[in-house]
Protein backbone atom coordinates (compact mmCIF):
# COMPACT_ATOMS: atom_id res chain seq x y z
CA MET A 1 0.02 0.06 0.00
CA LEU A 2 1.28 3.47 -0.91
CA VAL A 3 1.23 5.72 2.10
CA ASP A 4 1.66 9.48 1.87
CA PRO A 5 4.13 10.98 4.36
CA PRO A 6 2.62 13.15 7.16
CA GLY A 7 2.87 16.85 6.44
CA PHE A 8 5.73 17.39 8.95
CA LEU A 9 7.82 14.78 7.12
CA SER A 10 7.30 16.55 3.67
CA SER A 11 9.05 19.32 1.92
CA GLU A 12 7.30 22.39 0.73
CA PRO A 13 5.16 21.79 -2.46
CA GLU A 14 6.76 22.72 -5.75
CA GLN A 15 4.52 23.67 -8.69
CA ILE A 16 5.61 22.23 -12.03
CA SER A 17 4.37 23.25 -15.39
CA ALA A 18 6.21 21.72 -18.39
CA HIS A 19 5.80 19.76 -21.55
CA PHE A 20 7.48 16.27 -21.13
CA THR A 21 8.98 14.24 -23.99
CA ARG A 22 10.71 10.87 -23.81
CA CYS A 23 14.33 11.20 -22.62
CA GLY A 24 17.08 10.94 -25.20
CA PRO A 25 19.53 13.09 -27.12
CA GLY A 26 18.11 16.57 -27.92
CA ARG A 27 14.75 15.91 -26.13
CA GLY A 28 14.53 19.08 -24.12
CA ASN A 29 14.48 20.15 -20.53
CA ALA A 30 11.71 17.91 -19.17
CA CYS A 31 11.53 14.24 -20.18
CA VAL A 32 10.37 10.88 -18.96
CA VAL A 33 12.99 8.13 -18.36
CA ASP A 34 10.57 5.24 -17.48
CA GLY A 35 7.35 4.58 -15.58
CA ASP A 36 8.58 5.86 -12.18
CA THR A 37 11.42 8.41 -13.09
CA PHE A 38 11.47 11.70 -15.04
CA LYS A 39 13.89 14.67 -15.45
CA LEU A 40 13.53 18.33 -15.00
CA GLY A 41 16.66 19.94 -16.32
CA LYS A 42 19.61 18.33 -14.44
CA ARG A 43 17.30 16.92 -11.69
CA LYS A 44 16.17 13.33 -11.70
CA ILE A 45 12.93 12.71 -10.04
CA ARG A 46 11.83 9.33 -8.79
CA ILE A 47 8.17 9.00 -7.82
CA ALA A 48 8.28 7.84 -4.14
CA GLY A 49 6.69 4.54 -3.02
CA ILE A 50 6.20 2.88 -6.39
CA ASP A 51 8.27 0.53 -8.73
CA ALA A 52 7.46 0.42 -12.44
CA PRO A 53 8.58 -2.27 -14.86
CA GLU A 54 12.02 -1.57 -16.45
CA VAL A 55 12.34 -0.51 -20.08
CA ARG A 56 16.17 -0.95 -20.34
CA PRO A 57 17.26 -3.43 -19.37
CA ALA A 58 14.01 -5.45 -19.04
CA ARG A 59 14.37 -9.00 -17.74
CA CYS A 60 11.78 -10.41 -20.10
CA THR A 61 9.51 -9.42 -23.03
CA THR A 62 6.50 -8.88 -20.59
CA GLU A 63 8.43 -6.44 -18.49
CA ALA A 64 9.70 -4.55 -21.59
CA GLU A 65 6.05 -4.23 -22.93
CA LEU A 66 4.66 -3.11 -19.48
CA GLY A 67 7.60 -0.78 -19.11
CA GLU A 68 6.83 0.92 -22.31
CA ARG A 69 3.19 1.31 -21.29
CA ALA A 70 4.13 2.64 -17.88
CA THR A 71 6.52 5.20 -19.49
CA SER A 72 3.84 6.31 -21.91
CA ALA A 73 1.25 6.51 -19.04
CA LEU A 74 3.46 8.67 -16.84
CA GLN A 75 4.38 10.99 -19.72
CA ALA A 76 0.61 11.38 -20.43
CA TRP A 77 -0.13 12.01 -16.84
CA LEU A 78 2.61 14.73 -16.47
CA ASN A 79 1.48 16.43 -19.73
CA ARG A 80 -2.16 16.79 -18.56
CA GLY A 81 -1.22 20.09 -16.86
CA PRO A 82 0.49 21.72 -13.96
CA PHE A 83 1.17 19.38 -11.04
CA THR A 84 2.70 19.51 -7.57
CA MET A 85 5.84 17.70 -6.30
CA ARG A 86 6.59 17.22 -2.69
CA GLY A 87 9.63 15.51 -1.32
CA TRP A 88 10.03 13.33 1.63
CA ALA A 89 12.07 15.27 4.22
CA HIS A 90 13.11 12.12 6.05
CA ARG A 91 14.49 10.51 2.92
CA PRO A 92 14.95 13.08 0.11
CA LEU A 93 17.14 10.91 -2.18
CA ASP A 94 17.14 7.34 -3.25
CA ARG A 95 20.37 5.29 -3.43
CA PHE A 96 20.96 6.51 -6.98
CA GLY A 97 20.73 10.21 -6.07
CA ARG A 98 17.30 10.75 -7.46
CA GLU A 99 14.95 13.13 -5.60
CA LEU A 100 12.11 11.10 -4.07
CA MET A 101 8.77 12.97 -4.73
CA THR A 102 5.04 12.45 -4.45
CA VAL A 103 3.48 13.84 -7.65
CA THR A 104 -0.11 15.11 -7.49
CA ARG A 105 -2.64 17.21 -9.32
CA GLY A 106 -5.72 17.94 -7.36
CA GLN A 107 -6.99 14.64 -6.04
CA SER A 108 -4.93 12.66 -8.61
CA ASP A 109 -1.67 11.02 -7.48
CA ALA A 110 0.65 9.82 -10.31
CA GLY A 111 2.00 6.94 -8.28
CA LYS A 112 -1.43 5.63 -7.09
CA ASP A 113 -2.88 6.09 -10.62
CA LEU A 114 -0.04 3.96 -12.15
CA ILE A 115 -0.61 1.28 -9.49
CA ARG A 116 -4.34 1.27 -10.18
CA ALA A 117 -3.62 0.91 -13.93
CA GLY A 118 -1.45 -2.17 -13.14
CA LEU A 119 1.65 -0.34 -14.45
CA ALA A 120 3.40 0.05 -11.16
CA LYS A 121 3.46 -1.73 -7.78
CA ALA A 122 3.99 -0.36 -4.30
CA TYR A 123 7.74 -0.29 -3.50
CA SER A 124 8.43 -2.64 -0.65
CA GLY A 125 12.28 -2.24 -0.56
CA SER A 126 13.05 -4.63 -3.43
CA LYS A 127 12.30 -4.67 -7.10
CA ALA A 128 8.89 -6.03 -8.16
CA GLU A 129 8.65 -9.14 -10.26
CA TRP A 130 7.15 -8.35 -13.72
CA CYS A 131 8.20 -11.60 -15.57
């Protein structure tokens, strides 16, 4: 189950308005890496509390296909309009140096929406099995 941090454990909300492409050479300032990670300039943002299937390297064909769907779904969600990011003050970065953030727009939560769509699983401390 994905649990939001209590207010006192969260950073101040950050309002984001950008058009997101897929990451790659010459793709712009805002891009989507995969179903749980995107970039804003030099910043790498990981959606806190979820694990999406990998695109590269995927461990099997099923994971690769789900990874592509999750990446497209996150890109579409981010491009629906302005959204808010809020970091977890008690754990601001993951082990790869990505900023851990909840990503919301009104009552919609990107992580929870991806889980409901079957394109992510609640992160339990280890990689989810997709194959």
